[in-house]
């Protein structure tokens, strides 16, 4: 049940213990990624917090593919872009964030 794992991730966020549980968040979200697209945001947060640029790049490629196939909506891509551009979460990747926003902007003007 991916929902149970996601409930645990949400609990870490609300309790302020997210950073202490990055390994568990990563494990939960890798398993639930195909079923729950919010995990793109969580994994982007984990990888950016840790400075894992290779994993982040692979995740973004997977996100782009899923969006192109219609499995992930523009709002979720926008959310991941906001993580990438957030200087409070590790080292921001403004270039990739901007590219993602530009990719979804035609169909999602809020970006």
PDB file of N, CA and C in Angstrom:
ATOM      1  N   UNK A   1       0.830  -1.193   0.000  1.00  0.00           N
ATOM      2  CA  UNK A   1       0.000   0.000   0.000  1.00  0.00           C
ATOM      3  C   UNK A   1       0.870   1.251   0.000  1.00  0.00           C
ATOM      4  N   UNK A   2       1.022   1.901  -1.139  1.00  0.00           N
ATOM      5  CA  UNK A   2       1.860   3.100  -1.173  1.00  0.00           C
ATOM      6  C   UNK A   2       1.332   4.217  -0.283  1.00  0.00           C
ATOM      7  N   UNK A   3       0.019   4.241  -0.047  1.00  0.00           N
ATOM      8  CA  UNK A   3      -0.561   5.306   0.776  1.00  0.00           C
ATOM      9  C   UNK A   3      -0.002   5.284   2.195  1.00  0.00           C
ATOM     10  N   UNK A   4       0.251   4.093   2.727  1.00  0.00           N
ATOM     11  CA  UNK A   4       0.786   3.991   4.087  1.00  0.00           C
ATOM     12  C   UNK A   4       2.169   4.629   4.162  1.00  0.00           C
ATOM     13  N   UNK A   5       2.996   4.344   3.180  1.00  0.00           N
ATOM     14  CA  UNK A   5       4.324   4.943   3.145  1.00  0.00           C
ATOM     15  C   UNK A   5       4.259   6.446   2.995  1.00  0.00           C
ATOM     16  N   UNK A   6       3.353   6.900   2.141  1.00  0.00           N
ATOM     17  CA  UNK A   6       3.215   8.344   1.940  1.00  0.00           C
ATOM     18  C   UNK A   6       2.698   9.035   3.190  1.00  0.00           C
ATOM     19  N   UNK A   7       1.851   8.354   3.934  1.00  0.00           N
ATOM     20  CA  UNK A   7       1.381   8.909   5.206  1.00  0.00           C
ATOM     21  C   UNK A   7       2.562   9.083   6.161  1.00  0.00           C
ATOM     22  N   UNK A   8       3.487   8.131   6.130  1.00  0.00           N
ATOM     23  CA  UNK A   8       4.683   8.217   6.972  1.00  0.00           C
ATOM     24  C   UNK A   8       5.538   9.417   6.550  1.00  0.00           C
ATOM     25  N   UNK A   9       5.695   9.618   5.249  1.00  0.00           N
ATOM     26  CA  UNK A   9       6.466  10.757   4.737  1.00  0.00           C
ATOM     27  C   UNK A   9       5.816  12.068   5.188  1.00  0.00           C
ATOM     28  N   UNK A  10       4.501  12.152   5.076  1.00  0.00           N
ATOM     29  CA  UNK A  10       3.775  13.346   5.506  1.00  0.00           C
ATOM     30  C   UNK A  10       3.968  13.584   7.005  1.00  0.00           C
ATOM     31  N   UNK A  11       3.956  12.512   7.768  1.00  0.00           N
ATOM     32  CA  UNK A  11       4.178  12.618   9.210  1.00  0.00           C
ATOM     33  C   UNK A  11       5.567  13.204   9.496  1.00  0.00           C
ATOM     34  N   UNK A  12       6.586  12.734   8.773  1.00  0.00           N
ATOM     35  CA  UNK A  12       7.933  13.291   8.950  1.00  0.00           C
ATOM     36  C   UNK A  12       7.947  14.784   8.650  1.00  0.00           C
ATOM     37  N   UNK A  13       7.234  15.179   7.594  1.00  0.00           N
ATOM     38  CA  UNK A  13       7.193  16.607   7.241  1.00  0.00           C
ATOM     39  C   UNK A  13       6.528  17.419   8.358  1.00  0.00           C
ATOM     40  N   UNK A  14       5.385  16.946   8.840  1.00  0.00           N
ATOM     41  CA  UNK A  14       4.651  17.716   9.850  1.00  0.00           C
ATOM     42  C   UNK A  14       5.371  17.722  11.197  1.00  0.00           C
ATOM     43  N   UNK A  15       6.114  16.666  11.488  1.00  0.00           N
ATOM     44  CA  UNK A  15       6.852  16.605  12.756  1.00  0.00           C
ATOM     45  C   UNK A  15       8.194  17.322  12.691  1.00  0.00           C
ATOM     46  N   UNK A  16       8.582  17.744  11.478  1.00  0.00           N
ATOM     47  CA  UNK A  16       9.868  18.416  11.330  1.00  0.00           C
ATOM     48  C   UNK A  16      11.052  17.469  11.365  1.00  0.00           C
ATOM     49  N   UNK A  17      10.813  16.179  11.106  1.00  0.00           N
ATOM     50  CA  UNK A  17      11.896  15.189  11.151  1.00  0.00           C
ATOM     51  C   UNK A  17      12.243  14.644   9.766  1.00  0.00           C
ATOM     52  N   UNK A  18      11.788  15.317   8.728  1.00  0.00           N
ATOM     53  CA  UNK A  18      11.988  14.857   7.343  1.00  0.00           C
ATOM     54  C   UNK A  18      13.468  14.614   7.045  1.00  0.00           C
ATOM     55  N   UNK A  19      14.304  15.594   7.381  1.00  0.00           N
ATOM     56  CA  UNK A  19      15.736  15.505   7.060  1.00  0.00           C
ATOM     57  C   UNK A  19      16.404  14.320   7.748  1.00  0.00           C
ATOM     58  N   UNK A  20      15.876  13.900   8.875  1.00  0.00           N
ATOM     59  CA  UNK A  20      16.444  12.764   9.603  1.00  0.00           C
ATOM     60  C   UNK A  20      16.040  11.428   8.986  1.00  0.00           C
ATOM     61  N   UNK A  21      15.068  11.437   8.087  1.00  0.00           N
ATOM     62  CA  UNK A  21      14.532  10.194   7.521  1.00  0.00           C
ATOM     63  C   UNK A  21      14.663  10.133   5.999  1.00  0.00           C
ATOM     64  N   UNK A  22      15.682  10.784   5.443  1.00  0.00           N
ATOM     65  CA  UNK A  22      15.820  10.834   3.985  1.00  0.00           C
ATOM     66  C   UNK A  22      15.927   9.445   3.358  1.00  0.00           C
ATOM     67  N   UNK A  23      16.653   8.534   4.015  1.00  0.00           N
ATOM     68  CA  UNK A  23      16.794   7.176   3.463  1.00  0.00           C
ATOM     69  C   UNK A  23      15.439   6.488   3.360  1.00  0.00           C
ATOM     70  N   UNK A  24      14.642   6.625   4.403  1.00  0.00           N
ATOM     71  CA  UNK A  24      13.321   5.994   4.406  1.00  0.00           C
ATOM     72  C   UNK A  24      12.388   6.647   3.384  1.00  0.00           C
ATOM     73  N   UNK A  25      12.440   7.971   3.297  1.00  0.00           N
ATOM     74  CA  UNK A  25      11.620   8.683   2.311  1.00  0.00           C
ATOM     75  C   UNK A  25      11.990   8.212   0.909  1.00  0.00           C
ATOM     76  N   UNK A  26      13.289   8.093   0.646  1.00  0.00           N
ATOM     77  CA  UNK A  26      13.744   7.635  -0.667  1.00  0.00           C
ATOM     78  C   UNK A  26      13.231   6.230  -0.958  1.00  0.00           C
ATOM     79  N   UNK A  27      13.353   5.340   0.002  1.00  0.00           N
ATOM     80  CA  UNK A  27      12.905   3.958  -0.181  1.00  0.00           C
ATOM     81  C   UNK A  27      11.400   3.886  -0.442  1.00  0.00           C
ATOM     82  N   UNK A  28      10.630   4.582   0.370  1.00  0.00           N
ATOM     83  CA  UNK A  28       9.168   4.600   0.219  1.00  0.00           C
ATOM     84  C   UNK A  28       8.787   5.123  -1.162  1.00  0.00           C
ATOM     85  N   UNK A  29       9.403   6.231  -1.549  1.00  0.00           N
ATOM     86  CA  UNK A  29       8.991   6.886  -2.792  1.00  0.00           C
ATOM     87  C   UNK A  29       9.502   6.184  -4.039  1.00  0.00           C
ATOM     88  N   UNK A  30      10.644   5.528  -3.963  1.00  0.00           N
ATOM     89  CA  UNK A  30      11.093   4.747  -5.121  1.00  0.00           C
ATOM     90  C   UNK A  30      10.094   3.629  -5.407  1.00  0.00           C
ATOM     91  N   UNK A  31       9.613   2.992  -4.346  1.00  0.00           N
ATOM     92  CA  UNK A  31       8.655   1.894  -4.502  1.00  0.00           C
ATOM     93  C   UNK A  31       7.296   2.393  -4.987  1.00  0.00           C
ATOM     94  N   UNK A  32       6.910   3.586  -4.575  1.00  0.00           N
ATOM     95  CA  UNK A  32       5.567   4.095  -4.880  1.00  0.00           C
ATOM     96  C   UNK A  32       5.521   4.998  -6.113  1.00  0.00           C
ATOM     97  N   UNK A  33       6.670   5.254  -6.731  1.00  0.00           N
ATOM     98  CA  UNK A  33       6.741   6.240  -7.813  1.00  0.00           C
ATOM     99  C   UNK A  33       5.795   5.948  -8.965  1.00  0.00           C
ATOM    100  N   UNK A  34       5.693   4.701  -9.367  1.00  0.00           N
ATOM    101  CA  UNK A  34       4.832   4.385 -10.515  1.00  0.00           C
ATOM    102  C   UNK A  34       3.352   4.553 -10.182  1.00  0.00           C
ATOM    103  N   UNK A  35       3.009   4.474  -8.905  1.00  0.00           N
ATOM    104  CA  UNK A  35       1.606   4.566  -8.495  1.00  0.00           C
ATOM    105  C   UNK A  35       1.221   5.966  -8.012  1.00  0.00           C
ATOM    106  N   UNK A  36       2.195   6.736  -7.554  1.00  0.00           N
ATOM    107  CA  UNK A  36       1.904   8.013  -6.910  1.00  0.00           C
ATOM    108  C   UNK A  36       2.905   9.067  -7.351  1.00  0.00           C
ATOM    109  N   UNK A  37       2.459   9.993  -8.192  1.00  0.00           N
ATOM    110  CA  UNK A  37       3.407  10.953  -8.763  1.00  0.00           C
ATOM    111  C   UNK A  37       3.913  12.012  -7.783  1.00  0.00           C
ATOM    112  N   UNK A  38       3.316  12.132  -6.596  1.00  0.00           N
ATOM    113  CA  UNK A  38       3.852  13.054  -5.593  1.00  0.00           C
ATOM    114  C   UNK A  38       5.276  12.645  -5.221  1.00  0.00           C
ATOM    115  N   UNK A  39       5.598  11.387  -5.447  1.00  0.00           N
ATOM    116  CA  UNK A  39       6.939  10.905  -5.112  1.00  0.00           C
ATOM    117  C   UNK A  39       8.028  11.565  -5.950  1.00  0.00           C
ATOM    118  N   UNK A  40       7.690  12.106  -7.111  1.00  0.00           N
ATOM    119  CA  UNK A  40       8.693  12.868  -7.867  1.00  0.00           C
ATOM    120  C   UNK A  40       9.157  14.065  -7.042  1.00  0.00           C
ATOM    121  N   UNK A  41       8.230  14.725  -6.389  1.00  0.00           N
ATOM    122  CA  UNK A  41       8.563  15.886  -5.560  1.00  0.00           C
ATOM    123  C   UNK A  41       9.405  15.448  -4.368  1.00  0.00           C
ATOM    124  N   UNK A  42       9.001  14.361  -3.722  1.00  0.00           N
ATOM    125  CA  UNK A  42       9.734  13.883  -2.545  1.00  0.00           C
ATOM    126  C   UNK A  42      11.150  13.448  -2.916  1.00  0.00           C
ATOM    127  N   UNK A  43      11.282  12.694  -4.003  1.00  0.00           N
ATOM    128  CA  UNK A  43      12.614  12.237  -4.415  1.00  0.00           C
ATOM    129  C   UNK A  43      13.482  13.413  -4.857  1.00  0.00           C
ATOM    130  N   UNK A  44      12.899  14.387  -5.535  1.00  0.00           N
ATOM    131  CA  UNK A  44      13.662  15.584  -5.911  1.00  0.00           C
ATOM    132  C   UNK A  44      14.178  16.288  -4.659  1.00  0.00           C
ATOM    133  N   UNK A  45      13.346  16.336  -3.630  1.00  0.00           N
ATOM    134  CA  UNK A  45      13.747  16.957  -2.364  1.00  0.00           C
ATOM    135  C   UNK A  45      14.891  16.184  -1.718  1.00  0.00           C
ATOM    136  N   UNK A  46      14.764  14.860  -1.679  1.00  0.00           N
ATOM    137  CA  UNK A  46      15.812  14.019  -1.081  1.00  0.00           C
ATOM    138  C   UNK A  46      17.132  14.215  -1.826  1.00  0.00           C
ATOM    139  N   UNK A  47      17.101  14.095  -3.147  1.00  0.00           N
ATOM    140  CA  UNK A  47      18.335  14.182  -3.928  1.00  0.00           C
ATOM    141  C   UNK A  47      18.956  15.570  -3.862  1.00  0.00           C
ATOM    142  N   UNK A  48      18.140  16.605  -3.859  1.00  0.00           N
ATOM    143  CA  UNK A  48      18.689  17.957  -3.772  1.00  0.00           C
ATOM    144  C   UNK A  48      19.275  18.206  -2.384  1.00  0.00           C
ATOM    145  N   UNK A  49      18.609  17.717  -1.349  1.00  0.00           N
ATOM    146  CA  UNK A  49      19.125  17.877   0.011  1.00  0.00           C
ATOM    147  C   UNK A  49      20.496  17.227   0.142  1.00  0.00           C
ATOM    148  N   UNK A  50      20.652  16.054  -0.455  1.00  0.00           N
ATOM    149  CA  UNK A  50      21.912  15.309  -0.376  1.00  0.00           C
ATOM    150  C   UNK A  50      22.941  15.741  -1.416  1.00  0.00           C
ATOM    151  N   UNK A  51      22.551  16.555  -2.377  1.00  0.00           N
ATOM    152  CA  UNK A  51      23.468  16.947  -3.437  1.00  0.00           C
ATOM    153  C   UNK A  51      23.766  15.823  -4.418  1.00  0.00           C
ATOM    154  N   UNK A  52      22.805  14.917  -4.605  1.00  0.00           N
ATOM    155  CA  UNK A  52      22.978  13.770  -5.504  1.00  0.00           C
ATOM    156  C   UNK A  52      22.522  14.155  -6.915  1.00  0.00           C
ATOM    157  N   UNK A  53      23.418  14.809  -7.650  1.00  0.00           N
ATOM    158  CA  UNK A  53      23.045  15.359  -8.947  1.00  0.00           C
ATOM    159  C   UNK A  53      22.759  14.286  -9.996  1.00  0.00           C
ATOM    160  N   UNK A  54      23.477  13.167  -9.950  1.00  0.00           N
ATOM    161  CA  UNK A  54      23.222  12.112 -10.943  1.00  0.00           C
ATOM    162  C   UNK A  54      21.837  11.501 -10.753  1.00  0.00           C
ATOM    163  N   UNK A  55      21.488  11.199  -9.514  1.00  0.00           N
ATOM    164  CA  UNK A  55      20.159  10.654  -9.233  1.00  0.00           C
ATOM    165  C   UNK A  55      19.081  11.672  -9.596  1.00  0.00           C
ATOM    166  N   UNK A  56      19.355  12.936  -9.297  1.00  0.00           N
ATOM    167  CA  UNK A  56      18.407  14.005  -9.613  1.00  0.00           C
ATOM    168  C   UNK A  56      18.182  14.085 -11.125  1.00  0.00           C
ATOM    169  N   UNK A  57      19.266  14.018 -11.894  1.00  0.00           N
ATOM    170  CA  UNK A  57      19.157  14.094 -13.354  1.00  0.00           C
ATOM    171  C   UNK A  57      18.358  12.912 -13.902  1.00  0.00           C
ATOM    172  N   UNK A  58      18.591  11.723 -13.356  1.00  0.00           N
ATOM    173  CA  UNK A  58      17.844  10.539 -13.798  1.00  0.00           C
ATOM    174  C   UNK A  58      16.362  10.687 -13.460  1.00  0.00           C
ATOM    175  N   UNK A  59      16.072  11.223 -12.280  1.00  0.00           N
ATOM    176  CA  UNK A  59      14.685  11.442 -11.870  1.00  0.00           C
ATOM    177  C   UNK A  59      13.996  12.447 -12.797  1.00  0.00           C
ATOM    178  N   UNK A  60      14.697  13.513 -13.139  1.00  0.00           N
ATOM    179  CA  UNK A  60      14.119  14.536 -14.017  1.00  0.00           C
ATOM    180  C   UNK A  60      13.849  13.950 -15.402  1.00  0.00           C
ATOM    181  N   UNK A  61      14.758  13.121 -15.899  1.00  0.00           N
ATOM    182  CA  UNK A  61      14.540  12.470 -17.199  1.00  0.00           C
ATOM    183  C   UNK A  61      13.302  11.582 -17.145  1.00  0.00           C
ATOM    184  N   UNK A  62      13.150  10.855 -16.050  1.00  0.00           N
ATOM    185  CA  UNK A  62      11.980   9.987 -15.863  1.00  0.00           C
ATOM    186  C   UNK A  62      10.702  10.832 -15.767  1.00  0.00           C
ATOM    187  N   UNK A  63      10.780  11.951 -15.066  1.00  0.00           N
ATOM    188  CA  UNK A  63       9.640  12.865 -14.936  1.00  0.00           C
ATOM    189  C   UNK A  63       9.225  13.415 -16.300  1.00  0.00           C
ATOM    190  N   UNK A  64      10.204  13.843 -17.078  1.00  0.00           N
ATOM    191  CA  UNK A  64       9.897  14.379 -18.413  1.00  0.00           C
ATOM    192  C   UNK A  64       9.214  13.328 -19.276  1.00  0.00           C
ATOM    193  N   UNK A  65       9.714  12.114 -19.217  1.00  0.00           N
ATOM    194  CA  UNK A  65       9.136  11.018 -19.993  1.00  0.00           C
ATOM    195  C   UNK A  65       7.701  10.737 -19.543  1.00  0.00           C
ATOM    196  N   UNK A  66       7.493  10.688 -18.231  1.00  0.00           N
ATOM    197  CA  UNK A  66       6.156  10.422 -17.687  1.00  0.00           C
ATOM    198  C   UNK A  66       5.188  11.551 -18.057  1.00  0.00           C
ATOM    199  N   UNK A  67       5.668  12.786 -18.035  1.00  0.00           N
ATOM    200  CA  UNK A  67       4.817  13.921 -18.407  1.00  0.00           C
ATOM    201  C   UNK A  67       4.458  13.852 -19.887  1.00  0.00           C
ATOM    202  N   UNK A  68       5.443  13.543 -20.723  1.00  0.00           N
ATOM    203  CA  UNK A  68       5.200  13.447 -22.168  1.00  0.00           C
ATOM    204  C   UNK A  68       4.191  12.346 -22.487  1.00  0.00           C
ATOM    205  N   UNK A  69       4.201  11.279 -21.680  1.00  0.00           N
ATOM    206  CA  UNK A  69       3.283  10.155 -21.890  1.00  0.00           C
ATOM    207  C   UNK A  69       1.919  10.385 -21.238  1.00  0.00           C
ATOM    208  N   UNK A  70       1.771  11.517 -20.532  1.00  0.00           N
ATOM    209  CA  UNK A  70       0.495  11.824 -19.900  1.00  0.00           C
ATOM    210  C   UNK A  70       0.278  11.164 -18.553  1.00  0.00           C
ATOM    211  N   UNK A  71       1.335  10.604 -17.965  1.00  0.00           N
ATOM    212  CA  UNK A  71       1.203   9.940 -16.659  1.00  0.00           C
ATOM    213  C   UNK A  71       1.416  10.896 -15.490  1.00  0.00           C
ATOM    214  N   UNK A  72       2.004  12.057 -15.772  1.00  0.00           N
ATOM    215  CA  UNK A  72       2.251  13.068 -14.742  1.00  0.00           C
ATOM    216  C   UNK A  72       1.747  14.399 -15.291  1.00  0.00           C
ATOM    217  N   UNK A  73       0.971  15.116 -14.471  1.00  0.00           N
ATOM    218  CA  UNK A  73       0.402  16.376 -14.959  1.00  0.00           C
ATOM    219  C   UNK A  73       1.376  17.547 -14.795  1.00  0.00           C
ATOM    220  N   UNK A  74       1.038  18.648 -15.433  1.00  0.00           N
ATOM    221  CA  UNK A  74       1.894  19.835 -15.429  1.00  0.00           C
ATOM    222  C   UNK A  74       2.073  20.399 -14.025  1.00  0.00           C
ATOM    223  N   UNK A  75       1.059  20.290 -13.205  1.00  0.00           N
ATOM    224  CA  UNK A  75       1.163  20.806 -11.836  1.00  0.00           C
ATOM    225  C   UNK A  75       2.265  20.085 -11.067  1.00  0.00           C
ATOM    226  N   UNK A  76       2.392  18.777 -11.266  1.00  0.00           N
ATOM    227  CA  UNK A  76       3.435  18.013 -10.574  1.00  0.00           C
ATOM    228  C   UNK A  76       4.817  18.412 -11.091  1.00  0.00           C
ATOM    229  N   UNK A  77       4.938  18.613 -12.396  1.00  0.00           N
ATOM    230  CA  UNK A  77       6.212  19.067 -12.971  1.00  0.00           C
ATOM    231  C   UNK A  77       6.572  20.434 -12.387  1.00  0.00           C
ATOM    232  N   UNK A  78       5.587  21.313 -12.279  1.00  0.00           N
ATOM    233  CA  UNK A  78       5.779  22.628 -11.678  1.00  0.00           C
ATOM    234  C   UNK A  78       6.282  22.487 -10.234  1.00  0.00           C
ATOM    235  N   UNK A  79       5.700  21.566  -9.482  1.00  0.00           N
ATOM    236  CA  UNK A  79       6.109  21.355  -8.086  1.00  0.00           C
ATOM    237  C   UNK A  79       7.562  20.897  -7.997  1.00  0.00           C
ATOM    238  N   UNK A  80       7.961  19.998  -8.891  1.00  0.00           N
ATOM    239  CA  UNK A  80       9.353  19.537  -8.904  1.00  0.00           C
ATOM    240  C   UNK A  80      10.275  20.698  -9.272  1.00  0.00           C
ATOM    241  N   UNK A  81       9.880  21.500 -10.240  1.00  0.00           N
ATOM    242  CA  UNK A  81      10.690  22.664 -10.632  1.00  0.00           C
ATOM    243  C   UNK A  81      10.882  23.606  -9.447  1.00  0.00           C
ATOM    244  N   UNK A  82       9.853  23.780  -8.653  1.00  0.00           N
ATOM    245  CA  UNK A  82       9.954  24.661  -7.483  1.00  0.00           C
ATOM    246  C   UNK A  82      10.941  24.108  -6.450  1.00  0.00           C
ATOM    247  N   UNK A  83      10.982  22.783  -6.305  1.00  0.00           N
ATOM    248  CA  UNK A  83      11.979  22.168  -5.415  1.00  0.00           C
ATOM    249  C   UNK A  83      13.382  22.467  -5.954  1.00  0.00           C
ATOM    250  N   UNK A  84      13.567  22.259  -7.253  1.00  0.00           N
ATOM    251  CA  UNK A  84      14.890  22.470  -7.856  1.00  0.00           C
ATOM    252  C   UNK A  84      15.370  23.910  -7.711  1.00  0.00           C
ATOM    253  N   UNK A  85      14.450  24.855  -7.709  1.00  0.00           N
ATOM    254  CA  UNK A  85      14.815  26.259  -7.604  1.00  0.00           C
ATOM    255  C   UNK A  85      14.880  26.793  -6.186  1.00  0.00           C
ATOM    256  N   UNK A  86      14.615  25.951  -5.207  1.00  0.00           N
ATOM    257  CA  UNK A  86      14.529  26.378  -3.807  1.00  0.00           C
ATOM    258  C   UNK A  86      15.905  26.340  -3.142  1.00  0.00           C
ATOM    259  N   UNK A  87      16.433  27.510  -2.815  1.00  0.00           N
ATOM    260  CA  UNK A  87      17.768  27.583  -2.216  1.00  0.00           C
ATOM    261  C   UNK A  87      17.800  27.097  -0.770  1.00  0.00           C
ATOM    262  N   UNK A  88      16.643  26.858  -0.166  1.00  0.00           N
ATOM    263  CA  UNK A  88      16.631  26.333   1.206  1.00  0.00           C
ATOM    264  C   UNK A  88      16.751  24.808   1.216  1.00  0.00           C
ATOM    265  N   UNK A  89      16.717  24.192   0.021  1.00  0.00           N
ATOM    266  CA  UNK A  89      16.840  22.732  -0.088  1.00  0.00           C
ATOM    267  C   UNK A  89      18.116  22.431  -0.860  1.00  0.00           C
ATOM    268  N   UNK A  90      19.232  22.357  -0.164  1.00  0.00           N
ATOM    269  CA  UNK A  90      20.483  22.051  -0.846  1.00  0.00           C
ATOM    270  C   UNK A  90      20.868  23.135  -1.838  1.00  0.00           C
ATOM    271  N   UNK A  91      21.647  22.752  -2.843  1.00  0.00           N
ATOM    272  CA  UNK A  91      22.085  23.687  -3.874  1.00  0.00           C
ATOM    273  C   UNK A  91      21.053  23.713  -4.990  1.00  0.00           C
ATOM    274  N   UNK A  92      20.456  24.877  -5.253  1.00  0.00           N
ATOM    275  CA  UNK A  92      19.407  24.926  -6.279  1.00  0.00           C
ATOM    276  C   UNK A  92      19.962  24.699  -7.687  1.00  0.00           C
ATOM    277  N   UNK A  93      19.101  24.208  -8.541  1.00  0.00           N
ATOM    278  CA  UNK A  93      19.420  24.004  -9.959  1.00  0.00           C
ATOM    279  C   UNK A  93      18.427  24.844 -10.754  1.00  0.00           C
ATOM    280  N   UNK A  94      18.687  26.156 -10.778  1.00  0.00           N
ATOM    281  CA  UNK A  94      17.745  27.081 -11.413  1.00  0.00           C
ATOM    282  C   UNK A  94      17.568  26.803 -12.900  1.00  0.00           C
ATOM    283  N   UNK A  95      18.641  26.383 -13.568  1.00  0.00           N
ATOM    284  CA  UNK A  95      18.565  26.148 -15.014  1.00  0.00           C
ATOM    285  C   UNK A  95      17.562  25.039 -15.332  1.00  0.00           C
ATOM    286  N   UNK A  96      17.684  23.910 -14.641  1.00  0.00           N
ATOM    287  CA  UNK A  96      16.756  22.805 -14.877  1.00  0.00           C
ATOM    288  C   UNK A  96      15.348  23.190 -14.448  1.00  0.00           C
ATOM    289  N   UNK A  97      15.235  23.907 -13.332  1.00  0.00           N
ATOM    290  CA  UNK A  97      13.921  24.357 -12.868  1.00  0.00           C
ATOM    291  C   UNK A  97      13.248  25.209 -13.940  1.00  0.00           C
ATOM    292  N   UNK A  98      13.996  26.148 -14.504  1.00  0.00           N
ATOM    293  CA  UNK A  98      13.459  27.028 -15.542  1.00  0.00           C
ATOM    294  C   UNK A  98      13.049  26.224 -16.777  1.00  0.00           C
ATOM    295  N   UNK A  99      13.878  25.257 -17.171  1.00  0.00           N
ATOM    296  CA  UNK A  99      13.558  24.421 -18.333  1.00  0.00           C
ATOM    297  C   UNK A  99      12.251  23.661 -18.112  1.00  0.00           C
ATOM    298  N   UNK A 100      12.088  23.097 -16.921  1.00  0.00           N
ATOM    299  CA  UNK A 100      10.858  22.355 -16.621  1.00  0.00           C
ATOM    300  C   UNK A 100       9.642  23.271 -16.696  1.00  0.00           C
ATOM    301  N   UNK A 101       9.767  24.460 -16.113  1.00  0.00           N
ATOM    302  CA  UNK A 101       8.646  25.403 -16.139  1.00  0.00           C
ATOM    303  C   UNK A 101       8.302  25.809 -17.571  1.00  0.00           C
ATOM    304  N   UNK A 102       9.325  26.022 -18.382  1.00  0.00           N
ATOM    305  CA  UNK A 102       9.078  26.399 -19.776  1.00  0.00           C
ATOM    306  C   UNK A 102       8.425  25.262 -20.559  1.00  0.00           C
ATOM    307  N   UNK A 103       8.791  24.024 -20.221  1.00  0.00           N
ATOM    308  CA  UNK A 103       8.216  22.866 -20.914  1.00  0.00           C
ATOM    309  C   UNK A 103       6.718  22.729 -20.653  1.00  0.00           C
ATOM    310  N   UNK A 104       6.283  23.053 -19.448  1.00  0.00           N
ATOM    311  CA  UNK A 104       4.859  22.887 -19.120  1.00  0.00           C
ATOM    312  C   UNK A 104       4.053  24.172 -19.290  1.00  0.00           C
ATOM    313  N   UNK A 105       4.728  25.308 -19.437  1.00  0.00           N
ATOM    314  CA  UNK A 105       4.032  26.599 -19.493  1.00  0.00           C
ATOM    315  C   UNK A 105       2.940  26.688 -20.556  1.00  0.00           C
ATOM    316  N   UNK A 106       3.132  26.158 -21.778  1.00  0.00           N
ATOM    317  CA  UNK A 106       2.070  26.300 -22.781  1.00  0.00           C
ATOM    318  C   UNK A 106       0.718  25.725 -22.334  1.00  0.00           C
ATOM    319  N   UNK A 107       0.747  24.635 -21.604  1.00  0.00           N
ATOM    320  CA  UNK A 107      -0.505  24.028 -21.158  1.00  0.00           C
ATOM    321  C   UNK A 107      -0.828  24.303 -19.710  1.00  0.00           C
ATOM    322  N   UNK A 108       0.054  25.022 -19.037  1.00  0.00           N
ATOM    323  CA  UNK A 108      -0.106  25.281 -17.607  1.00  0.00           C
ATOM    324  C   UNK A 108       0.398  26.695 -17.331  1.00  0.00           C
ATOM    325  N   UNK A 109      -0.405  27.708 -17.669  1.00  0.00           N
ATOM    326  CA  UNK A 109       0.066  29.100 -17.613  1.00  0.00           C
ATOM    327  C   UNK A 109       0.482  29.597 -16.233  1.00  0.00           C
ATOM    328  N   UNK A 110       0.094  28.904 -15.176  1.00  0.00           N
ATOM    329  CA  UNK A 110       0.478  29.337 -13.824  1.00  0.00           C
ATOM    330  C   UNK A 110       1.993  29.299 -13.662  1.00  0.00           C
ATOM    331  N   UNK A 111       2.658  28.376 -14.375  1.00  0.00           N
ATOM    332  CA  UNK A 111       4.112  28.256 -14.306  1.00  0.00           C
ATOM    333  C   UNK A 111       4.771  29.524 -14.815  1.00  0.00           C
TER     334      UNK A 111
END
